[in-house]
Amino acid sequence: MVQVQRMANNSAPSGLDKEQVFIMAEKEMEYRVELFNKLTSTCFNKCIEKRYKESELNMGENSCIDRCVSKYWQVTNLIGQLLGTGQPPM
């Protein structure tokens, strides 16, 4: 996002106009919203019982959500790095 903001502040790489920069920013925002929605859905379905027994998350649910979110971000970052470098997975 910082890169897109810098590009929008008249330091856009050659060949990119403001419209292209805003389209890129919009795509990035759509990607981030989709990523957040997938993370929320995945971890909720994995960690929260279908029949609510309490109004607050219990210790097991809290731990599960923490681990799920952490693993989700680790995998997302790893995939991003692998795609960015073009190297095959280990």
PDB file of N, CA and C in Angstrom:
ATOM      1  N   MET A   1       0.821  -1.185   0.000  1.00  0.00           N
ATOM      2  CA  MET A   1       0.000   0.000   0.000  1.00  0.00           C
ATOM      3  C   MET A   1       0.867   1.251   0.000  1.00  0.00           C
ATOM      4  N   VAL A   2       1.948   1.231   0.737  1.00  0.00           N
ATOM      5  CA  VAL A   2       2.852   2.381   0.776  1.00  0.00           C
ATOM      6  C   VAL A   2       3.392   2.677  -0.606  1.00  0.00           C
ATOM      7  N   GLN A   3       3.722   1.611  -1.346  1.00  0.00           N
ATOM      8  CA  GLN A   3       4.246   1.795  -2.694  1.00  0.00           C
ATOM      9  C   GLN A   3       3.216   2.502  -3.568  1.00  0.00           C
ATOM     10  N   VAL A   4       1.961   2.113  -3.449  1.00  0.00           N
ATOM     11  CA  VAL A   4       0.910   2.737  -4.247  1.00  0.00           C
ATOM     12  C   VAL A   4       0.745   4.189  -3.839  1.00  0.00           C
ATOM     13  N   GLN A   5       0.843   4.499  -2.535  1.00  0.00           N
ATOM     14  CA  GLN A   5       0.722   5.882  -2.086  1.00  0.00           C
ATOM     15  C   GLN A   5       1.862   6.721  -2.640  1.00  0.00           C
ATOM     16  N   ARG A   6       3.082   6.178  -2.643  1.00  0.00           N
ATOM     17  CA  ARG A   6       4.213   6.919  -3.200  1.00  0.00           C
ATOM     18  C   ARG A   6       4.007   7.174  -4.683  1.00  0.00           C
ATOM     19  N   MET A   7       3.478   6.176  -5.381  1.00  0.00           N
ATOM     20  CA  MET A   7       3.262   6.353  -6.813  1.00  0.00           C
ATOM     21  C   MET A   7       2.200   7.413  -7.071  1.00  0.00           C
ATOM     22  N   ALA A   8       1.208   7.505  -6.174  1.00  0.00           N
ATOM     23  CA  ALA A   8       0.150   8.488  -6.353  1.00  0.00           C
ATOM     24  C   ALA A   8       0.648   9.903  -6.085  1.00  0.00           C
ATOM     25  N   ASN A   9       1.731  10.044  -5.350  1.00  0.00           N
ATOM     26  CA  ASN A   9       2.277  11.361  -5.015  1.00  0.00           C
ATOM     27  C   ASN A   9       3.306  11.827  -6.029  1.00  0.00           C
ATOM     28  N   ASN A  10       2.958  11.786  -7.294  1.00  0.00           N
ATOM     29  CA  ASN A  10       3.777  12.301  -8.386  1.00  0.00           C
ATOM     30  C   ASN A  10       5.131  11.619  -8.547  1.00  0.00           C
ATOM     31  N   SER A  11       5.350  10.503  -7.904  1.00  0.00           N
ATOM     32  CA  SER A  11       6.601   9.780  -8.109  1.00  0.00           C
ATOM     33  C   SER A  11       6.317   8.438  -8.774  1.00  0.00           C
ATOM     34  N   ALA A  12       5.318   8.409  -9.616  1.00  0.00           N
ATOM     35  CA  ALA A  12       4.943   7.188 -10.311  1.00  0.00           C
ATOM     36  C   ALA A  12       6.038   6.785 -11.279  1.00  0.00           C
ATOM     37  N   PRO A  13       6.303   5.495 -11.375  1.00  0.00           N
ATOM     38  CA  PRO A  13       7.291   5.034 -12.347  1.00  0.00           C
ATOM     39  C   PRO A  13       6.883   5.462 -13.757  1.00  0.00           C
ATOM     40  N   SER A  14       7.863   5.590 -14.619  1.00  0.00           N
ATOM     41  CA  SER A  14       7.560   6.025 -15.976  1.00  0.00           C
ATOM     42  C   SER A  14       6.557   5.074 -16.618  1.00  0.00           C
ATOM     43  N   GLY A  15       5.646   5.626 -17.355  1.00  0.00           N
ATOM     44  CA  GLY A  15       4.655   4.829 -18.051  1.00  0.00           C
ATOM     45  C   GLY A  15       3.373   4.629 -17.261  1.00  0.00           C
ATOM     46  N   LEU A  16       3.355   5.006 -15.987  1.00  0.00           N
ATOM     47  CA  LEU A  16       2.139   4.876 -15.189  1.00  0.00           C
ATOM     48  C   LEU A  16       1.546   6.255 -14.952  1.00  0.00           C
ATOM     49  N   ASP A  17       0.285   6.412 -15.318  1.00  0.00           N
ATOM     50  CA  ASP A  17      -0.369   7.671 -15.014  1.00  0.00           C
ATOM     51  C   ASP A  17      -1.210   7.505 -13.748  1.00  0.00           C
ATOM     52  N   LYS A  18      -1.810   8.573 -13.275  1.00  0.00           N
ATOM     53  CA  LYS A  18      -2.561   8.532 -12.015  1.00  0.00           C
ATOM     54  C   LYS A  18      -3.719   7.542 -12.083  1.00  0.00           C
ATOM     55  N   GLU A  19      -4.364   7.452 -13.229  1.00  0.00           N
ATOM     56  CA  GLU A  19      -5.485   6.524 -13.364  1.00  0.00           C
ATOM     57  C   GLU A  19      -5.020   5.091 -13.158  1.00  0.00           C
ATOM     58  N   GLN A  20      -3.887   4.729 -13.734  1.00  0.00           N
ATOM     59  CA  GLN A  20      -3.344   3.380 -13.566  1.00  0.00           C
ATOM     60  C   GLN A  20      -2.965   3.120 -12.115  1.00  0.00           C
ATOM     61  N   VAL A  21      -2.415   4.121 -11.460  1.00  0.00           N
ATOM     62  CA  VAL A  21      -2.033   3.985 -10.053  1.00  0.00           C
ATOM     63  C   VAL A  21      -3.271   3.739  -9.201  1.00  0.00           C
ATOM     64  N   PHE A  22      -4.340   4.477  -9.450  1.00  0.00           N
ATOM     65  CA  PHE A  22      -5.559   4.292  -8.680  1.00  0.00           C
ATOM     66  C   PHE A  22      -6.210   2.940  -8.972  1.00  0.00           C
ATOM     67  N   ILE A  23      -6.110   2.469 -10.189  1.00  0.00           N
ATOM     68  CA  ILE A  23      -6.631   1.136 -10.514  1.00  0.00           C
ATOM     69  C   ILE A  23      -5.839   0.076  -9.749  1.00  0.00           C
ATOM     70  N   MET A  24      -4.514   0.247  -9.690  1.00  0.00           N
ATOM     71  CA  MET A  24      -3.678  -0.687  -8.933  1.00  0.00           C
ATOM     72  C   MET A  24      -4.035  -0.656  -7.447  1.00  0.00           C
ATOM     73  N   ALA A  25      -4.271   0.535  -6.910  1.00  0.00           N
ATOM     74  CA  ALA A  25      -4.633   0.670  -5.495  1.00  0.00           C
ATOM     75  C   ALA A  25      -5.982   0.017  -5.225  1.00  0.00           C
ATOM     76  N   GLU A  26      -6.904   0.182  -6.144  1.00  0.00           N
ATOM     77  CA  GLU A  26      -8.219  -0.425  -5.996  1.00  0.00           C
ATOM     78  C   GLU A  26      -8.118  -1.953  -6.012  1.00  0.00           C
ATOM     79  N   LYS A  27      -7.309  -2.489  -6.924  1.00  0.00           N
ATOM     80  CA  LYS A  27      -7.105  -3.939  -7.000  1.00  0.00           C
ATOM     81  C   LYS A  27      -6.466  -4.467  -5.716  1.00  0.00           C
ATOM     82  N   GLU A  28      -5.486  -3.721  -5.194  1.00  0.00           N
ATOM     83  CA  GLU A  28      -4.831  -4.133  -3.958  1.00  0.00           C
ATOM     84  C   GLU A  28      -5.835  -4.157  -2.807  1.00  0.00           C
ATOM     85  N   MET A  29      -6.695  -3.148  -2.738  1.00  0.00           N
ATOM     86  CA  MET A  29      -7.696  -3.088  -1.678  1.00  0.00           C
ATOM     87  C   MET A  29      -8.675  -4.251  -1.801  1.00  0.00           C
ATOM     88  N   GLU A  30      -9.097  -4.567  -3.021  1.00  0.00           N
ATOM     89  CA  GLU A  30      -9.984  -5.706  -3.240  1.00  0.00           C
ATOM     90  C   GLU A  30      -9.320  -7.005  -2.796  1.00  0.00           C
ATOM     91  N   TYR A  31      -8.032  -7.151  -3.115  1.00  0.00           N
ATOM     92  CA  TYR A  31      -7.290  -8.340  -2.716  1.00  0.00           C
ATOM     93  C   TYR A  31      -7.227  -8.449  -1.195  1.00  0.00           C
ATOM     94  N   ARG A  32      -6.934  -7.345  -0.522  1.00  0.00           N
ATOM     95  CA  ARG A  32      -6.818  -7.369   0.940  1.00  0.00           C
ATOM     96  C   ARG A  32      -8.157  -7.693   1.607  1.00  0.00           C
ATOM     97  N   VAL A  33      -9.240  -7.154   1.082  1.00  0.00           N
ATOM     98  CA  VAL A  33     -10.563  -7.446   1.631  1.00  0.00           C
ATOM     99  C   VAL A  33     -10.894  -8.920   1.426  1.00  0.00           C
ATOM    100  N   GLU A  34     -10.609  -9.448   0.240  1.00  0.00           N
ATOM    101  CA  GLU A  34     -10.857 -10.856  -0.037  1.00  0.00           C
ATOM    102  C   GLU A  34     -10.013 -11.744   0.871  1.00  0.00           C
ATOM    103  N   LEU A  35      -8.758 -11.404   1.071  1.00  0.00           N
ATOM    104  CA  LEU A  35      -7.867 -12.158   1.945  1.00  0.00           C
ATOM    105  C   LEU A  35      -8.404 -12.158   3.375  1.00  0.00           C
ATOM    106  N   PHE A  36      -8.822 -10.998   3.866  1.00  0.00           N
ATOM    107  CA  PHE A  36      -9.366 -10.891   5.215  1.00  0.00           C
ATOM    108  C   PHE A  36     -10.635 -11.734   5.347  1.00  0.00           C
ATOM    109  N   ASN A  37     -11.520 -11.662   4.354  1.00  0.00           N
ATOM    110  CA  ASN A  37     -12.763 -12.437   4.403  1.00  0.00           C
ATOM    111  C   ASN A  37     -12.491 -13.938   4.404  1.00  0.00           C
ATOM    112  N   LYS A  38     -11.531 -14.382   3.595  1.00  0.00           N
ATOM    113  CA  LYS A  38     -11.179 -15.809   3.571  1.00  0.00           C
ATOM    114  C   LYS A  38     -10.580 -16.247   4.898  1.00  0.00           C
ATOM    115  N   LEU A  39      -9.687 -15.428   5.455  1.00  0.00           N
ATOM    116  CA  LEU A  39      -9.074 -15.736   6.742  1.00  0.00           C
ATOM    117  C   LEU A  39     -10.144 -15.834   7.821  1.00  0.00           C
ATOM    118  N   THR A  40     -11.033 -14.870   7.874  1.00  0.00           N
ATOM    119  CA  THR A  40     -12.088 -14.858   8.881  1.00  0.00           C
ATOM    120  C   THR A  40     -12.978 -16.084   8.756  1.00  0.00           C
ATOM    121  N   SER A  41     -13.400 -16.382   7.556  1.00  0.00           N
ATOM    122  CA  SER A  41     -14.277 -17.523   7.320  1.00  0.00           C
ATOM    123  C   SER A  41     -13.591 -18.841   7.664  1.00  0.00           C
ATOM    124  N   THR A  42     -12.359 -19.010   7.200  1.00  0.00           N
ATOM    125  CA  THR A  42     -11.617 -20.249   7.433  1.00  0.00           C
ATOM    126  C   THR A  42     -11.414 -20.495   8.922  1.00  0.00           C
ATOM    127  N   CYS A  43     -10.918 -19.490   9.628  1.00  0.00           N
ATOM    128  CA  CYS A  43     -10.616 -19.666  11.052  1.00  0.00           C
ATOM    129  C   CYS A  43     -11.888 -19.782  11.882  1.00  0.00           C
ATOM    130  N   PHE A  44     -12.942 -19.062  11.515  1.00  0.00           N
ATOM    131  CA  PHE A  44     -14.206 -19.176  12.236  1.00  0.00           C
ATOM    132  C   PHE A  44     -14.762 -20.589  12.093  1.00  0.00           C
ATOM    133  N   ASN A  45     -14.800 -21.091  10.862  1.00  0.00           N
ATOM    134  CA  ASN A  45     -15.344 -22.431  10.633  1.00  0.00           C
ATOM    135  C   ASN A  45     -14.518 -23.516  11.310  1.00  0.00           C
ATOM    136  N   LYS A  46     -13.217 -23.301  11.403  1.00  0.00           N
ATOM    137  CA  LYS A  46     -12.341 -24.288  12.016  1.00  0.00           C
ATOM    138  C   LYS A  46     -12.407 -24.260  13.543  1.00  0.00           C
ATOM    139  N   CYS A  47     -12.545 -23.083  14.132  1.00  0.00           N
ATOM    140  CA  CYS A  47     -12.329 -22.924  15.572  1.00  0.00           C
ATOM    141  C   CYS A  47     -13.583 -22.718  16.422  1.00  0.00           C
ATOM    142  N   ILE A  48     -14.661 -22.272  15.838  1.00  0.00           N
ATOM    143  CA  ILE A  48     -15.843 -21.928  16.629  1.00  0.00           C
ATOM    144  C   ILE A  48     -16.910 -22.999  16.449  1.00  0.00           C
ATOM    145  N   GLU A  49     -17.434 -23.481  17.586  1.00  0.00           N
ATOM    146  CA  GLU A  49     -18.491 -24.488  17.531  1.00  0.00           C
ATOM    147  C   GLU A  49     -19.738 -23.901  16.879  1.00  0.00           C
ATOM    148  N   LYS A  50     -20.488 -24.768  16.211  1.00  0.00           N
ATOM    149  CA  LYS A  50     -21.682 -24.310  15.500  1.00  0.00           C
ATOM    150  C   LYS A  50     -22.795 -23.895  16.461  1.00  0.00           C
ATOM    151  N   ARG A  51     -22.839 -24.558  17.611  1.00  0.00           N
ATOM    152  CA  ARG A  51     -23.852 -24.215  18.615  1.00  0.00           C
ATOM    153  C   ARG A  51     -23.167 -23.408  19.717  1.00  0.00           C
ATOM    154  N   TYR A  52     -23.493 -22.140  19.774  1.00  0.00           N
ATOM    155  CA  TYR A  52     -22.874 -21.268  20.769  1.00  0.00           C
ATOM    156  C   TYR A  52     -23.354 -21.650  22.164  1.00  0.00           C
ATOM    157  N   LYS A  53     -22.402 -21.787  23.078  1.00  0.00           N
ATOM    158  CA  LYS A  53     -22.725 -22.110  24.468  1.00  0.00           C
ATOM    159  C   LYS A  53     -22.512 -20.905  25.365  1.00  0.00           C
ATOM    160  N   GLU A  54     -21.629 -20.013  24.955  1.00  0.00           N
ATOM    161  CA  GLU A  54     -21.275 -18.848  25.759  1.00  0.00           C
ATOM    162  C   GLU A  54     -21.235 -17.616  24.868  1.00  0.00           C
ATOM    163  N   SER A  55     -21.354 -16.454  25.484  1.00  0.00           N
ATOM    164  CA  SER A  55     -21.316 -15.215  24.708  1.00  0.00           C
ATOM    165  C   SER A  55     -19.887 -14.800  24.363  1.00  0.00           C
ATOM    166  N   GLU A  56     -18.907 -15.312  25.100  1.00  0.00           N
ATOM    167  CA  GLU A  56     -17.500 -14.998  24.878  1.00  0.00           C
ATOM    168  C   GLU A  56     -16.764 -16.225  24.344  1.00  0.00           C
ATOM    169  N   LEU A  57     -15.646 -15.995  23.661  1.00  0.00           N
ATOM    170  CA  LEU A  57     -14.825 -17.118  23.212  1.00  0.00           C
ATOM    171  C   LEU A  57     -14.179 -17.784  24.422  1.00  0.00           C
ATOM    172  N   ASN A  58     -14.128 -19.111  24.397  1.00  0.00           N
ATOM    173  CA  ASN A  58     -13.444 -19.803  25.491  1.00  0.00           C
ATOM    174  C   ASN A  58     -11.953 -19.893  25.179  1.00  0.00           C
ATOM    175  N   MET A  59     -11.184 -20.423  26.124  1.00  0.00           N
ATOM    176  CA  MET A  59      -9.724 -20.471  25.987  1.00  0.00           C
ATOM    177  C   MET A  59      -9.312 -21.299  24.768  1.00  0.00           C
ATOM    178  N   GLY A  60      -9.957 -22.425  24.538  1.00  0.00           N
ATOM    179  CA  GLY A  60      -9.635 -23.271  23.392  1.00  0.00           C
ATOM    180  C   GLY A  60      -9.895 -22.577  22.068  1.00  0.00           C
ATOM    181  N   GLU A  61     -11.027 -21.878  21.981  1.00  0.00           N
ATOM    182  CA  GLU A  61     -11.358 -21.143  20.757  1.00  0.00           C
ATOM    183  C   GLU A  61     -10.362 -20.014  20.514  1.00  0.00           C
ATOM    184  N   ASN A  62     -10.007 -19.297  21.575  1.00  0.00           N
ATOM    185  CA  ASN A  62      -9.015 -18.217  21.454  1.00  0.00           C
ATOM    186  C   ASN A  62      -7.685 -18.751  20.943  1.00  0.00           C
ATOM    187  N   SER A  63      -7.219 -19.854  21.523  1.00  0.00           N
ATOM    188  CA  SER A  63      -5.944 -20.447  21.104  1.00  0.00           C
ATOM    189  C   SER A  63      -6.010 -20.905  19.658  1.00  0.00           C
ATOM    190  N   CYS A  64      -7.107 -21.548  19.293  1.00  0.00           N
ATOM    191  CA  CYS A  64      -7.273 -22.043  17.924  1.00  0.00           C
ATOM    192  C   CYS A  64      -7.245 -20.883  16.927  1.00  0.00           C
ATOM    193  N   ILE A  65      -7.961 -19.815  17.239  1.00  0.00           N
ATOM    194  CA  ILE A  65      -8.000 -18.656  16.340  1.00  0.00           C
ATOM    195  C   ILE A  65      -6.621 -18.028  16.213  1.00  0.00           C
ATOM    196  N   ASP A  66      -5.906 -17.886  17.347  1.00  0.00           N
ATOM    197  CA  ASP A  66      -4.549 -17.335  17.294  1.00  0.00           C
ATOM    198  C   ASP A  66      -3.649 -18.155  16.383  1.00  0.00           C
ATOM    199  N   ARG A  67      -3.675 -19.478  16.543  1.00  0.00           N
ATOM    200  CA  ARG A  67      -2.834 -20.353  15.724  1.00  0.00           C
ATOM    201  C   ARG A  67      -3.263 -20.311  14.263  1.00  0.00           C
ATOM    202  N   CYS A  68      -4.568 -20.333  14.028  1.00  0.00           N
ATOM    203  CA  CYS A  68      -5.091 -20.335  12.660  1.00  0.00           C
ATOM    204  C   CYS A  68      -4.686 -19.064  11.920  1.00  0.00           C
ATOM    205  N   VAL A  69      -4.868 -17.917  12.544  1.00  0.00           N
ATOM    206  CA  VAL A  69      -4.528 -16.641  11.909  1.00  0.00           C
ATOM    207  C   VAL A  69      -3.024 -16.567  11.654  1.00  0.00           C
ATOM    208  N   SER A  70      -2.237 -16.998  12.634  1.00  0.00           N
ATOM    209  CA  SER A  70      -0.784 -16.973  12.476  1.00  0.00           C
ATOM    210  C   SER A  70      -0.337 -17.840  11.307  1.00  0.00           C
ATOM    211  N   LYS A  71      -0.857 -19.057  11.233  1.00  0.00           N
ATOM    212  CA  LYS A  71      -0.487 -19.964  10.138  1.00  0.00           C
ATOM    213  C   LYS A  71      -0.965 -19.422   8.795  1.00  0.00           C
ATOM    214  N   TYR A  72      -2.162 -18.862   8.771  1.00  0.00           N
ATOM    215  CA  TYR A  72      -2.713 -18.312   7.531  1.00  0.00           C
ATOM    216  C   TYR A  72      -1.804 -17.215   6.989  1.00  0.00           C
ATOM    217  N   TRP A  73      -1.349 -16.291   7.872  1.00  0.00           N
ATOM    218  CA  TRP A  73      -0.465 -15.214   7.442  1.00  0.00           C
ATOM    219  C   TRP A  73       0.896 -15.740   7.007  1.00  0.00           C
ATOM    220  N   GLN A  74       1.420 -16.726   7.745  1.00  0.00           N
ATOM    221  CA  GLN A  74       2.719 -17.299   7.376  1.00  0.00           C
ATOM    222  C   GLN A  74       2.657 -17.910   5.985  1.00  0.00           C
ATOM    223  N   VAL A  75       1.614 -18.672   5.718  1.00  0.00           N
ATOM    224  CA  VAL A  75       1.479 -19.318   4.411  1.00  0.00           C
ATOM    225  C   VAL A  75       1.260 -18.275   3.317  1.00  0.00           C
ATOM    226  N   THR A  76       0.430 -17.284   3.588  1.00  0.00           N
ATOM    227  CA  THR A  76       0.182 -16.223   2.609  1.00  0.00           C
ATOM    228  C   THR A  76       1.474 -15.489   2.272  1.00  0.00           C
ATOM    229  N   ASN A  77       2.273 -15.159   3.295  1.00  0.00           N
ATOM    230  CA  ASN A  77       3.552 -14.476   3.060  1.00  0.00           C
ATOM    231  C   ASN A  77       4.529 -15.364   2.296  1.00  0.00           C
ATOM    232  N   LEU A  78       4.586 -16.642   2.641  1.00  0.00           N
ATOM    233  CA  LEU A  78       5.477 -17.575   1.940  1.00  0.00           C
ATOM    234  C   LEU A  78       5.100 -17.684   0.466  1.00  0.00           C
ATOM    235  N   ILE A  79       3.825 -17.818   0.199  1.00  0.00           N
ATOM    236  CA  ILE A  79       3.364 -17.912  -1.196  1.00  0.00           C
ATOM    237  C   ILE A  79       3.703 -16.628  -1.945  1.00  0.00           C
ATOM    238  N   GLY A  80       3.481 -15.480  -1.307  1.00  0.00           N
ATOM    239  CA  GLY A  80       3.820 -14.207  -1.933  1.00  0.00           C
ATOM    240  C   GLY A  80       5.304 -14.106  -2.251  1.00  0.00           C
ATOM    241  N   GLN A  81       6.150 -14.570  -1.327  1.00  0.00           N
ATOM    242  CA  GLN A  81       7.591 -14.537  -1.556  1.00  0.00           C
ATOM    243  C   GLN A  81       7.984 -15.475  -2.707  1.00  0.00           C
ATOM    244  N   LEU A  82       7.404 -16.668  -2.711  1.00  0.00           N
ATOM    245  CA  LEU A  82       7.722 -17.621  -3.770  1.00  0.00           C
ATOM    246  C   LEU A  82       7.269 -17.120  -5.137  1.00  0.00           C
ATOM    247  N   LEU A  83       6.097 -16.522  -5.183  1.00  0.00           N
ATOM    248  CA  LEU A  83       5.620 -15.985  -6.455  1.00  0.00           C
ATOM    249  C   LEU A  83       6.456 -14.785  -6.887  1.00  0.00           C
ATOM    250  N   GLY A  84       6.900 -14.001  -5.907  1.00  0.00           N
ATOM    251  CA  GLY A  84       7.706 -12.823  -6.220  1.00  0.00           C
ATOM    252  C   GLY A  84       9.086 -13.157  -6.741  1.00  0.00           C
ATOM    253  N   THR A  85       9.651 -14.247  -6.238  1.00  0.00           N
ATOM    254  CA  THR A  85      11.011 -14.632  -6.670  1.00  0.00           C
ATOM    255  C   THR A  85      10.981 -15.583  -7.847  1.00  0.00           C
ATOM    256  N   GLY A  86       9.841 -16.217  -8.073  1.00  0.00           N
ATOM    257  CA  GLY A  86       9.740 -17.168  -9.175  1.00  0.00           C
ATOM    258  C   GLY A  86      10.444 -18.490  -8.896  1.00  0.00           C
ATOM    259  N   GLN A  87      10.816 -18.723  -7.640  1.00  0.00           N
ATOM    260  CA  GLN A  87      11.497 -19.967  -7.290  1.00  0.00           C
ATOM    261  C   GLN A  87      10.464 -21.034  -6.929  1.00  0.00           C
ATOM    262  N   PRO A  88      10.754 -22.291  -7.252  1.00  0.00           N
ATOM    263  CA  PRO A  88       9.836 -23.359  -6.902  1.00  0.00           C
ATOM    264  C   PRO A  88       9.819 -23.577  -5.379  1.00  0.00           C
ATOM    265  N   PRO A  89       8.729 -24.134  -4.849  1.00  0.00           N
ATOM    266  CA  PRO A  89       8.647 -24.385  -3.410  1.00  0.00           C
ATOM    267  C   PRO A  89       9.717 -25.381  -2.960  1.00  0.00           C
ATOM    268  N   MET A  90      10.054 -25.316  -1.670  1.00  0.00           N
ATOM    269  CA  MET A  90      11.086 -26.179  -1.108  1.00  0.00           C
ATOM    270  C   MET A  90      10.675 -27.625  -1.075  1.00  0.00           C
TER     271      MET A  90
END
